[in-house]
N, C-alpha and C. Protein backbone atom coordinates (compact mmCIF):
# COMPACT_ATOMS: atom_id res chain seq x y z
N MET A 1 -1.94 -47.76 -0.93
CA MET A 1 -1.28 -47.87 0.36
C MET A 1 -0.20 -48.95 0.31
N SER A 2 0.86 -48.71 1.03
CA SER A 2 1.95 -49.66 1.04
C SER A 2 1.69 -50.76 2.06
N ALA A 3 2.48 -51.84 1.97
CA ALA A 3 2.35 -52.96 2.90
C ALA A 3 2.80 -52.57 4.30
N GLU A 4 3.58 -51.50 4.43
CA GLU A 4 4.08 -51.06 5.74
C GLU A 4 3.02 -50.32 6.54
N PHE A 5 1.94 -49.92 5.90
CA PHE A 5 0.95 -49.08 6.57
C PHE A 5 0.37 -49.72 7.82
N PRO A 6 0.00 -51.02 7.82
CA PRO A 6 -0.52 -51.59 9.07
C PRO A 6 0.49 -51.50 10.21
N MET A 7 1.76 -51.75 9.94
CA MET A 7 2.78 -51.63 10.99
C MET A 7 2.92 -50.19 11.44
N ALA A 8 2.81 -49.26 10.51
CA ALA A 8 2.87 -47.85 10.87
C ALA A 8 1.70 -47.50 11.78
N GLY A 9 0.55 -48.10 11.53
CA GLY A 9 -0.60 -47.85 12.39
C GLY A 9 -0.38 -48.36 13.80
N VAL A 10 0.20 -49.54 13.91
CA VAL A 10 0.51 -50.10 15.24
C VAL A 10 1.51 -49.20 15.95
N LEU A 11 2.54 -48.78 15.23
CA LEU A 11 3.55 -47.90 15.83
C LEU A 11 2.95 -46.56 16.23
N ALA A 12 2.03 -46.04 15.40
CA ALA A 12 1.39 -44.76 15.73
C ALA A 12 0.56 -44.88 17.00
N VAL A 13 -0.15 -45.99 17.16
CA VAL A 13 -0.96 -46.19 18.37
C VAL A 13 -0.06 -46.35 19.59
N LEU A 14 0.98 -47.17 19.47
CA LEU A 14 1.91 -47.34 20.59
C LEU A 14 2.58 -46.02 20.96
N CYS A 15 2.95 -45.26 19.95
CA CYS A 15 3.58 -43.95 20.18
C CYS A 15 2.61 -43.04 20.92
N ALA A 16 1.35 -42.99 20.48
CA ALA A 16 0.36 -42.12 21.12
C ALA A 16 0.08 -42.54 22.56
N GLU A 17 -0.09 -43.84 22.80
CA GLU A 17 -0.38 -44.30 24.16
C GLU A 17 0.80 -44.05 25.09
N THR A 18 1.99 -44.29 24.61
CA THR A 18 3.18 -44.04 25.43
C THR A 18 3.36 -42.55 25.67
N ALA A 19 3.07 -41.74 24.67
CA ALA A 19 3.16 -40.28 24.83
C ALA A 19 2.18 -39.81 25.90
N TRP A 20 0.96 -40.32 25.87
CA TRP A 20 -0.02 -39.94 26.88
C TRP A 20 0.42 -40.38 28.27
N PHE A 21 0.98 -41.59 28.38
CA PHE A 21 1.49 -42.06 29.67
C PHE A 21 2.58 -41.12 30.19
N LEU A 22 3.54 -40.80 29.33
CA LEU A 22 4.61 -39.89 29.73
C LEU A 22 4.07 -38.52 30.10
N ALA A 23 3.07 -38.04 29.36
CA ALA A 23 2.46 -36.75 29.66
C ALA A 23 1.82 -36.77 31.04
N LEU A 24 1.15 -37.86 31.38
CA LEU A 24 0.52 -37.96 32.70
C LEU A 24 1.57 -38.01 33.81
N VAL A 25 2.65 -38.76 33.58
CA VAL A 25 3.73 -38.82 34.57
C VAL A 25 4.34 -37.43 34.77
N LEU A 26 4.62 -36.74 33.67
CA LEU A 26 5.24 -35.42 33.76
C LEU A 26 4.30 -34.39 34.38
N ALA A 27 3.04 -34.41 34.00
CA ALA A 27 2.07 -33.47 34.58
C ALA A 27 1.93 -33.74 36.07
N GLY A 28 1.86 -35.01 36.45
CA GLY A 28 1.79 -35.36 37.87
C GLY A 28 3.02 -34.90 38.63
N ALA A 29 4.19 -35.06 38.02
CA ALA A 29 5.44 -34.63 38.65
C ALA A 29 5.47 -33.11 38.83
N ALA A 30 5.02 -32.39 37.81
CA ALA A 30 4.99 -30.93 37.90
C ALA A 30 4.04 -30.48 39.00
N LEU A 31 2.85 -31.05 39.03
CA LEU A 31 1.88 -30.69 40.07
C LEU A 31 2.39 -31.07 41.46
N HIS A 32 3.06 -32.22 41.55
CA HIS A 32 3.61 -32.65 42.84
C HIS A 32 4.68 -31.68 43.32
N LYS A 33 5.51 -31.18 42.42
CA LYS A 33 6.54 -30.21 42.81
C LYS A 33 5.90 -28.92 43.33
N LEU A 34 4.81 -28.52 42.71
CA LEU A 34 4.14 -27.30 43.14
C LEU A 34 3.36 -27.51 44.43
N TYR A 35 2.80 -28.70 44.61
CA TYR A 35 2.03 -29.02 45.82
C TYR A 35 2.95 -29.22 47.02
N ALA A 36 4.02 -29.97 46.84
CA ALA A 36 4.96 -30.28 47.93
C ALA A 36 6.25 -29.50 47.70
N GLN A 37 6.14 -28.18 47.66
CA GLN A 37 7.30 -27.34 47.33
C GLN A 37 8.44 -27.50 48.33
N SER A 38 8.12 -27.63 49.59
CA SER A 38 9.17 -27.75 50.59
C SER A 38 10.02 -29.00 50.35
N ARG A 39 9.35 -30.13 50.11
CA ARG A 39 10.06 -31.38 49.86
C ARG A 39 10.87 -31.27 48.56
N ALA A 40 10.26 -30.69 47.54
CA ALA A 40 10.94 -30.56 46.25
C ALA A 40 12.16 -29.64 46.37
N ARG A 41 12.02 -28.56 47.12
CA ARG A 41 13.16 -27.64 47.30
C ARG A 41 14.29 -28.30 48.08
N ARG A 42 13.92 -29.05 49.12
CA ARG A 42 14.93 -29.74 49.92
C ARG A 42 15.68 -30.75 49.03
N ALA A 43 14.92 -31.49 48.22
CA ALA A 43 15.55 -32.47 47.32
C ALA A 43 16.47 -31.77 46.33
N ALA A 44 16.02 -30.67 45.75
CA ALA A 44 16.84 -29.94 44.78
C ALA A 44 18.10 -29.38 45.43
N ALA A 45 17.94 -28.83 46.64
CA ALA A 45 19.10 -28.27 47.34
C ALA A 45 20.14 -29.35 47.63
N GLU A 46 19.67 -30.52 48.07
CA GLU A 46 20.61 -31.60 48.41
C GLU A 46 21.22 -32.23 47.16
N LEU A 47 20.41 -32.45 46.14
CA LEU A 47 20.91 -33.10 44.93
C LEU A 47 21.83 -32.19 44.12
N LEU A 48 21.49 -30.91 44.04
CA LEU A 48 22.26 -29.99 43.21
C LEU A 48 23.33 -29.23 43.98
N GLY A 49 23.22 -29.24 45.31
CA GLY A 49 24.18 -28.50 46.12
C GLY A 49 24.04 -27.00 45.97
N VAL A 50 22.79 -26.53 45.91
CA VAL A 50 22.52 -25.10 45.76
C VAL A 50 21.81 -24.57 47.00
N SER A 51 21.71 -23.24 47.08
CA SER A 51 21.04 -22.61 48.20
C SER A 51 19.53 -22.88 48.15
N TRP A 52 18.83 -22.55 49.23
CA TRP A 52 17.39 -22.73 49.29
C TRP A 52 16.70 -21.93 48.18
N ARG A 53 17.20 -20.71 47.95
CA ARG A 53 16.62 -19.88 46.89
C ARG A 53 16.89 -20.48 45.51
N GLY A 54 18.12 -20.93 45.29
CA GLY A 54 18.46 -21.59 44.03
C GLY A 54 17.65 -22.86 43.81
N ALA A 55 17.40 -23.58 44.91
CA ALA A 55 16.59 -24.79 44.82
C ALA A 55 15.16 -24.45 44.43
N GLY A 56 14.65 -23.34 44.95
CA GLY A 56 13.30 -22.91 44.58
C GLY A 56 13.20 -22.60 43.09
N LEU A 57 14.21 -21.93 42.57
CA LEU A 57 14.25 -21.63 41.14
C LEU A 57 14.34 -22.92 40.33
N ALA A 58 15.18 -23.85 40.78
CA ALA A 58 15.33 -25.12 40.07
C ALA A 58 14.01 -25.90 40.04
N VAL A 59 13.27 -25.87 41.15
CA VAL A 59 11.98 -26.56 41.21
C VAL A 59 10.99 -25.95 40.23
N TRP A 60 10.93 -24.62 40.18
CA TRP A 60 10.01 -23.96 39.25
C TRP A 60 10.39 -24.23 37.80
N VAL A 61 11.68 -24.21 37.50
CA VAL A 61 12.12 -24.49 36.13
C VAL A 61 11.80 -25.94 35.76
N ALA A 62 12.05 -26.86 36.68
CA ALA A 62 11.75 -28.28 36.41
C ALA A 62 10.25 -28.48 36.21
N ALA A 63 9.43 -27.89 37.07
CA ALA A 63 7.98 -28.04 36.96
C ALA A 63 7.47 -27.44 35.65
N ALA A 64 7.98 -26.28 35.28
CA ALA A 64 7.56 -25.65 34.02
C ALA A 64 7.98 -26.49 32.82
N THR A 65 9.18 -27.04 32.86
CA THR A 65 9.67 -27.88 31.77
C THR A 65 8.84 -29.16 31.67
N GLU A 66 8.54 -29.77 32.81
CA GLU A 66 7.69 -30.96 32.82
C GLU A 66 6.31 -30.65 32.26
N GLY A 67 5.74 -29.52 32.66
CA GLY A 67 4.42 -29.13 32.15
C GLY A 67 4.44 -28.89 30.65
N LEU A 68 5.45 -28.20 30.17
CA LEU A 68 5.57 -27.94 28.74
C LEU A 68 5.72 -29.24 27.95
N ALA A 69 6.57 -30.14 28.45
CA ALA A 69 6.75 -31.42 27.77
C ALA A 69 5.44 -32.21 27.76
N ALA A 70 4.71 -32.18 28.86
CA ALA A 70 3.43 -32.90 28.93
C ALA A 70 2.44 -32.35 27.91
N LEU A 71 2.35 -31.04 27.82
CA LEU A 71 1.44 -30.43 26.84
C LEU A 71 1.82 -30.79 25.41
N CYS A 72 3.11 -30.76 25.12
CA CYS A 72 3.57 -31.11 23.78
C CYS A 72 3.31 -32.58 23.46
N LEU A 73 3.45 -33.45 24.44
CA LEU A 73 3.27 -34.88 24.21
C LEU A 73 1.84 -35.26 23.83
N VAL A 74 0.85 -34.54 24.33
CA VAL A 74 -0.54 -34.91 24.02
C VAL A 74 -0.99 -34.37 22.67
N ASN A 75 -0.23 -33.48 22.08
CA ASN A 75 -0.58 -32.91 20.78
C ASN A 75 0.25 -33.63 19.70
N PRO A 76 -0.41 -34.36 18.79
CA PRO A 76 0.35 -35.11 17.79
C PRO A 76 1.33 -34.27 16.97
N SER A 77 1.01 -33.01 16.72
CA SER A 77 1.92 -32.19 15.91
C SER A 77 3.18 -31.77 16.66
N SER A 78 3.14 -31.78 17.98
CA SER A 78 4.33 -31.41 18.76
C SER A 78 4.86 -32.57 19.60
N ARG A 79 4.35 -33.76 19.34
CA ARG A 79 4.70 -34.94 20.15
C ARG A 79 6.20 -35.23 20.12
N GLY A 80 6.81 -35.14 18.96
CA GLY A 80 8.25 -35.42 18.86
C GLY A 80 9.07 -34.45 19.68
N ALA A 81 8.72 -33.17 19.63
CA ALA A 81 9.44 -32.16 20.41
C ALA A 81 9.22 -32.39 21.91
N GLY A 82 8.00 -32.71 22.29
CA GLY A 82 7.71 -32.98 23.70
C GLY A 82 8.45 -34.19 24.22
N ALA A 83 8.51 -35.23 23.39
CA ALA A 83 9.22 -36.44 23.79
C ALA A 83 10.73 -36.19 23.89
N SER A 84 11.25 -35.40 22.96
CA SER A 84 12.68 -35.06 23.02
C SER A 84 12.99 -34.26 24.28
N LEU A 85 12.14 -33.31 24.60
CA LEU A 85 12.32 -32.52 25.81
C LEU A 85 12.23 -33.41 27.05
N ALA A 86 11.27 -34.33 27.06
CA ALA A 86 11.12 -35.25 28.19
C ALA A 86 12.36 -36.14 28.33
N ALA A 87 12.88 -36.63 27.22
CA ALA A 87 14.07 -37.49 27.27
C ALA A 87 15.26 -36.74 27.85
N VAL A 88 15.44 -35.49 27.45
CA VAL A 88 16.54 -34.67 28.00
C VAL A 88 16.33 -34.43 29.49
N LEU A 89 15.10 -34.13 29.87
CA LEU A 89 14.79 -33.88 31.28
C LEU A 89 15.07 -35.12 32.14
N PHE A 90 14.61 -36.29 31.67
CA PHE A 90 14.87 -37.53 32.40
C PHE A 90 16.37 -37.85 32.44
N ALA A 91 17.09 -37.51 31.37
CA ALA A 91 18.54 -37.73 31.36
C ALA A 91 19.22 -36.86 32.40
N VAL A 92 18.77 -35.62 32.54
CA VAL A 92 19.32 -34.73 33.57
C VAL A 92 19.04 -35.29 34.95
N TYR A 93 17.79 -35.71 35.19
CA TYR A 93 17.44 -36.30 36.49
C TYR A 93 18.29 -37.53 36.77
N LEU A 94 18.47 -38.37 35.76
CA LEU A 94 19.27 -39.58 35.92
C LEU A 94 20.71 -39.23 36.27
N GLY A 95 21.27 -38.26 35.59
CA GLY A 95 22.65 -37.84 35.87
C GLY A 95 22.82 -37.28 37.27
N VAL A 96 21.86 -36.48 37.70
CA VAL A 96 21.94 -35.89 39.05
C VAL A 96 21.85 -36.98 40.12
N MET A 97 20.94 -37.93 39.93
CA MET A 97 20.79 -39.01 40.92
C MET A 97 22.01 -39.93 40.91
N ALA A 98 22.51 -40.27 39.73
CA ALA A 98 23.68 -41.14 39.64
C ALA A 98 24.90 -40.48 40.29
N ARG A 99 25.04 -39.18 40.09
CA ARG A 99 26.15 -38.45 40.71
C ARG A 99 26.04 -38.51 42.23
N ALA A 100 24.84 -38.31 42.76
CA ALA A 100 24.65 -38.36 44.22
C ALA A 100 25.00 -39.75 44.76
N ILE A 101 24.58 -40.79 44.07
CA ILE A 101 24.90 -42.15 44.51
C ILE A 101 26.40 -42.39 44.42
N PHE A 102 27.02 -41.94 43.34
CA PHE A 102 28.45 -42.15 43.12
C PHE A 102 29.29 -41.50 44.22
N VAL A 103 28.88 -40.34 44.71
CA VAL A 103 29.66 -39.66 45.76
C VAL A 103 29.22 -40.07 47.16
N GLY A 104 28.38 -41.11 47.25
CA GLY A 104 28.01 -41.66 48.56
C GLY A 104 26.89 -40.92 49.27
N ARG A 105 26.02 -40.28 48.53
CA ARG A 105 24.92 -39.52 49.15
C ARG A 105 23.58 -40.20 48.86
N ARG A 106 23.49 -41.51 49.11
CA ARG A 106 22.29 -42.29 48.86
C ARG A 106 21.11 -41.88 49.74
N GLN A 107 21.37 -41.31 50.89
CA GLN A 107 20.29 -41.00 51.84
C GLN A 107 19.45 -39.81 51.43
N ILE A 108 19.81 -39.16 50.34
CA ILE A 108 19.02 -38.03 49.85
C ILE A 108 17.68 -38.54 49.33
N ASP A 109 16.63 -37.85 49.70
CA ASP A 109 15.30 -38.14 49.14
C ASP A 109 15.18 -37.31 47.87
N CYS A 110 15.08 -37.98 46.72
CA CYS A 110 15.03 -37.24 45.46
C CYS A 110 13.68 -36.56 45.24
N GLY A 111 12.69 -36.88 46.06
CA GLY A 111 11.37 -36.28 45.88
C GLY A 111 10.67 -36.80 44.64
N CYS A 112 11.13 -37.92 44.11
CA CYS A 112 10.63 -38.45 42.84
C CYS A 112 9.30 -39.17 42.95
N SER A 113 8.94 -39.58 44.15
CA SER A 113 7.70 -40.36 44.30
C SER A 113 6.57 -39.45 44.75
N PHE A 114 5.35 -39.91 44.48
CA PHE A 114 4.19 -39.11 44.83
C PHE A 114 3.82 -39.26 46.30
N GLY A 115 4.44 -40.19 46.99
CA GLY A 115 4.17 -40.38 48.42
C GLY A 115 4.88 -39.33 49.25
N THR A 116 4.67 -39.39 50.54
CA THR A 116 5.27 -38.40 51.43
C THR A 116 6.43 -38.97 52.23
N THR A 117 6.68 -40.26 52.11
CA THR A 117 7.74 -40.86 52.90
C THR A 117 9.10 -40.60 52.27
N HIS A 118 10.11 -40.54 53.13
CA HIS A 118 11.49 -40.36 52.67
C HIS A 118 11.95 -41.66 52.00
N ARG A 119 12.43 -41.54 50.80
CA ARG A 119 12.93 -42.71 50.07
C ARG A 119 14.33 -42.42 49.58
N PRO A 120 15.32 -43.07 50.20
CA PRO A 120 16.70 -42.84 49.76
C PRO A 120 16.91 -43.31 48.33
N LEU A 121 17.91 -42.75 47.70
CA LEU A 121 18.24 -43.11 46.33
C LEU A 121 18.71 -44.56 46.26
N GLY A 122 18.31 -45.22 45.20
CA GLY A 122 18.71 -46.61 45.02
C GLY A 122 18.48 -47.08 43.60
N SER A 123 18.54 -48.38 43.43
CA SER A 123 18.40 -48.99 42.12
C SER A 123 17.06 -48.66 41.46
N TRP A 124 15.99 -48.63 42.27
CA TRP A 124 14.67 -48.38 41.70
C TRP A 124 14.60 -47.00 41.05
N GLN A 125 15.09 -45.97 41.72
CA GLN A 125 15.03 -44.62 41.15
C GLN A 125 15.84 -44.54 39.85
N ILE A 126 16.99 -45.18 39.84
CA ILE A 126 17.84 -45.17 38.64
C ILE A 126 17.16 -45.92 37.50
N LEU A 127 16.64 -47.12 37.80
CA LEU A 127 15.97 -47.92 36.78
C LEU A 127 14.72 -47.23 36.26
N ARG A 128 13.94 -46.66 37.15
CA ARG A 128 12.71 -45.96 36.74
C ARG A 128 13.03 -44.78 35.83
N THR A 129 13.99 -43.97 36.24
CA THR A 129 14.32 -42.78 35.46
C THR A 129 14.93 -43.15 34.11
N ALA A 130 15.78 -44.16 34.10
CA ALA A 130 16.36 -44.62 32.84
C ALA A 130 15.28 -45.17 31.91
N SER A 131 14.32 -45.89 32.47
CA SER A 131 13.22 -46.44 31.65
C SER A 131 12.37 -45.32 31.07
N LEU A 132 12.06 -44.32 31.87
CA LEU A 132 11.28 -43.18 31.38
C LEU A 132 12.04 -42.43 30.29
N MET A 133 13.34 -42.28 30.47
CA MET A 133 14.17 -41.61 29.46
C MET A 133 14.14 -42.39 28.15
N LEU A 134 14.28 -43.71 28.23
CA LEU A 134 14.27 -44.54 27.02
C LEU A 134 12.90 -44.53 26.35
N LEU A 135 11.82 -44.55 27.14
CA LEU A 135 10.48 -44.46 26.56
C LEU A 135 10.30 -43.14 25.82
N ALA A 136 10.74 -42.06 26.45
CA ALA A 136 10.62 -40.75 25.80
C ALA A 136 11.45 -40.69 24.52
N ALA A 137 12.64 -41.26 24.56
CA ALA A 137 13.48 -41.27 23.35
C ALA A 137 12.82 -42.10 22.25
N ALA A 138 12.18 -43.21 22.61
CA ALA A 138 11.49 -44.04 21.63
C ALA A 138 10.31 -43.29 21.02
N VAL A 139 9.55 -42.59 21.85
CA VAL A 139 8.43 -41.80 21.33
C VAL A 139 8.95 -40.71 20.41
N ALA A 140 10.05 -40.07 20.79
CA ALA A 140 10.62 -39.02 19.93
C ALA A 140 11.01 -39.61 18.58
N GLY A 141 11.66 -40.76 18.59
CA GLY A 141 12.06 -41.40 17.34
C GLY A 141 10.87 -41.81 16.49
N LEU A 142 9.86 -42.39 17.12
CA LEU A 142 8.67 -42.81 16.38
C LEU A 142 7.89 -41.61 15.85
N ALA A 143 7.75 -40.58 16.68
CA ALA A 143 6.97 -39.41 16.26
C ALA A 143 7.62 -38.69 15.09
N HIS A 144 8.94 -38.75 14.99
CA HIS A 144 9.65 -38.10 13.88
C HIS A 144 9.76 -39.01 12.67
N GLY A 145 9.41 -40.29 12.83
CA GLY A 145 9.52 -41.24 11.72
C GLY A 145 8.49 -40.97 10.63
N PRO A 146 8.90 -41.11 9.37
CA PRO A 146 7.99 -40.79 8.27
C PRO A 146 6.76 -41.69 8.20
N ALA A 147 6.89 -42.98 8.52
CA ALA A 147 5.75 -43.89 8.43
C ALA A 147 4.66 -43.52 9.43
N VAL A 148 5.07 -43.20 10.65
CA VAL A 148 4.09 -42.82 11.67
C VAL A 148 3.45 -41.48 11.33
N ARG A 149 4.25 -40.53 10.88
CA ARG A 149 3.70 -39.22 10.48
C ARG A 149 2.71 -39.36 9.34
N GLU A 150 3.05 -40.20 8.35
CA GLU A 150 2.16 -40.41 7.21
C GLU A 150 0.85 -41.05 7.67
N PHE A 151 0.96 -42.05 8.52
CA PHE A 151 -0.25 -42.71 9.03
C PHE A 151 -1.12 -41.72 9.80
N ALA A 152 -0.49 -40.93 10.66
CA ALA A 152 -1.24 -39.96 11.47
C ALA A 152 -1.91 -38.90 10.60
N SER A 153 -1.28 -38.53 9.49
CA SER A 153 -1.88 -37.51 8.63
C SER A 153 -3.05 -38.06 7.83
N VAL A 154 -3.00 -39.33 7.44
CA VAL A 154 -4.08 -39.94 6.68
C VAL A 154 -5.26 -40.29 7.58
N TYR A 155 -4.95 -40.89 8.71
CA TYR A 155 -5.99 -41.29 9.66
C TYR A 155 -5.94 -40.37 10.87
N ALA A 156 -6.64 -39.29 10.81
CA ALA A 156 -6.66 -38.33 11.92
C ALA A 156 -7.28 -39.00 13.14
N THR A 157 -6.79 -38.63 14.30
CA THR A 157 -7.28 -39.21 15.55
C THR A 157 -8.72 -38.78 15.80
N SER A 158 -9.59 -39.76 15.96
CA SER A 158 -10.99 -39.47 16.26
C SER A 158 -11.16 -39.35 17.77
N PRO A 159 -12.27 -38.76 18.22
CA PRO A 159 -12.49 -38.66 19.67
C PRO A 159 -12.48 -40.03 20.36
N GLY A 160 -13.00 -41.06 19.68
CA GLY A 160 -12.99 -42.40 20.27
C GLY A 160 -11.60 -42.94 20.45
N GLU A 161 -10.74 -42.75 19.44
CA GLU A 161 -9.36 -43.20 19.54
C GLU A 161 -8.62 -42.43 20.62
N LEU A 162 -8.90 -41.14 20.72
CA LEU A 162 -8.28 -40.30 21.74
C LEU A 162 -8.65 -40.80 23.13
N ALA A 163 -9.89 -41.17 23.32
CA ALA A 163 -10.33 -41.70 24.62
C ALA A 163 -9.63 -43.01 24.94
N CYS A 164 -9.48 -43.88 23.93
CA CYS A 164 -8.79 -45.15 24.15
C CYS A 164 -7.32 -44.93 24.52
N GLU A 165 -6.67 -44.00 23.82
CA GLU A 165 -5.26 -43.70 24.10
C GLU A 165 -5.09 -43.20 25.53
N SER A 166 -5.96 -42.27 25.93
CA SER A 166 -5.82 -41.70 27.26
C SER A 166 -6.20 -42.71 28.33
N MET A 167 -7.18 -43.59 28.06
CA MET A 167 -7.55 -44.62 29.04
C MET A 167 -6.42 -45.64 29.21
N ALA A 168 -5.79 -46.03 28.11
CA ALA A 168 -4.66 -46.94 28.20
C ALA A 168 -3.53 -46.28 29.00
N ALA A 169 -3.31 -45.01 28.77
CA ALA A 169 -2.26 -44.29 29.51
C ALA A 169 -2.59 -44.23 30.99
N LEU A 170 -3.86 -44.03 31.33
CA LEU A 170 -4.27 -44.02 32.74
C LEU A 170 -4.04 -45.38 33.39
N ALA A 171 -4.30 -46.44 32.64
CA ALA A 171 -4.05 -47.79 33.17
C ALA A 171 -2.57 -48.00 33.43
N PHE A 172 -1.73 -47.58 32.48
CA PHE A 172 -0.28 -47.69 32.67
C PHE A 172 0.18 -46.84 33.86
N LEU A 173 -0.41 -45.67 34.01
CA LEU A 173 -0.05 -44.80 35.13
C LEU A 173 -0.43 -45.45 36.46
N ALA A 174 -1.58 -46.08 36.52
CA ALA A 174 -2.00 -46.77 37.75
C ALA A 174 -1.01 -47.89 38.09
N LEU A 175 -0.57 -48.64 37.11
CA LEU A 175 0.42 -49.69 37.34
C LEU A 175 1.75 -49.09 37.79
N TYR A 176 2.13 -48.00 37.18
CA TYR A 176 3.39 -47.31 37.51
C TYR A 176 3.38 -46.85 38.97
N VAL A 177 2.28 -46.22 39.39
CA VAL A 177 2.18 -45.72 40.76
C VAL A 177 2.13 -46.89 41.74
N ALA A 178 1.40 -47.95 41.39
CA ALA A 178 1.34 -49.12 42.27
C ALA A 178 2.72 -49.76 42.43
N LEU A 179 3.45 -49.88 41.34
CA LEU A 179 4.80 -50.44 41.42
C LEU A 179 5.70 -49.57 42.27
N ASP A 180 5.58 -48.26 42.14
CA ASP A 180 6.36 -47.33 42.96
C ASP A 180 6.08 -47.55 44.45
N HIS A 181 4.82 -47.74 44.80
CA HIS A 181 4.47 -47.96 46.21
C HIS A 181 4.94 -49.32 46.71
N VAL A 182 4.84 -50.34 45.89
CA VAL A 182 5.30 -51.67 46.30
C VAL A 182 6.81 -51.65 46.52
N LEU A 183 7.54 -51.03 45.61
CA LEU A 183 9.00 -51.01 45.73
C LEU A 183 9.49 -50.08 46.84
N ALA A 184 8.61 -49.28 47.40
CA ALA A 184 8.99 -48.42 48.52
C ALA A 184 8.89 -49.14 49.85
N LEU A 185 8.31 -50.33 49.85
CA LEU A 185 8.18 -51.08 51.10
C LEU A 185 9.56 -51.38 51.66
N ARG A 186 9.71 -51.20 52.93
CA ARG A 186 11.02 -51.33 53.58
C ARG A 186 11.70 -52.68 53.33
N PRO A 187 11.00 -53.83 53.45
CA PRO A 187 11.70 -55.10 53.21
C PRO A 187 12.28 -55.18 51.80
N LEU A 188 11.57 -54.68 50.81
CA LEU A 188 12.11 -54.70 49.46
C LEU A 188 13.28 -53.74 49.31
N ARG A 189 13.15 -52.56 49.90
CA ARG A 189 14.19 -51.55 49.79
C ARG A 189 15.48 -52.02 50.45
N ASP A 190 15.36 -52.75 51.54
CA ASP A 190 16.55 -53.23 52.24
C ASP A 190 17.15 -54.47 51.58
N GLY A 191 16.42 -55.08 50.67
CA GLY A 191 16.87 -56.30 50.02
C GLY A 191 17.63 -56.04 48.74
N VAL A 192 17.31 -56.81 47.74
CA VAL A 192 18.03 -56.79 46.49
C VAL A 192 17.97 -55.43 45.79
N LEU A 193 16.79 -54.79 45.84
CA LEU A 193 16.63 -53.56 45.08
C LEU A 193 17.11 -52.30 45.81
N GLY A 194 17.56 -52.39 47.02
CA GLY A 194 17.96 -51.23 47.82
C GLY A 194 19.02 -50.48 47.22
């Protein structure tokens, strides 16, 4: 074994935990779009400037893409493809939101949060989406890297390691959702981060 193997192991674990976190975010987003279809369609219609029917199609395509990316992310053999798909998806979301802000349409609710309250576009949505895009790009890069692939092939994921990865991802998801709710508070939204 080479001296790089321990670092490859650390990178493989970080890649797996981040992939699981992204998979949970994407699966939650897909389910939220299907559960709150009216809100999701309204957001798509306003953000994309399409008809109600076109917005419905956009919501279904987005939810299916999120679901596919989530499934790919939890499988080590397709993790790189899932992360690449997630990065592209987050980049599209980022571009659509940035365009809406640029043309002065901040009052649009992007439907990005799991809550039911109207949240106008702002710094938080841009920062969150950009961060998710960068995380997905990092996972894609790590998953395609030879050191991580070699480590993953030699040390197959055991059920115990799988449980740890998914538990860590659940903890990150809980922090992510809590931060989303804190930053949605009106005094914060009207202040620096608005």
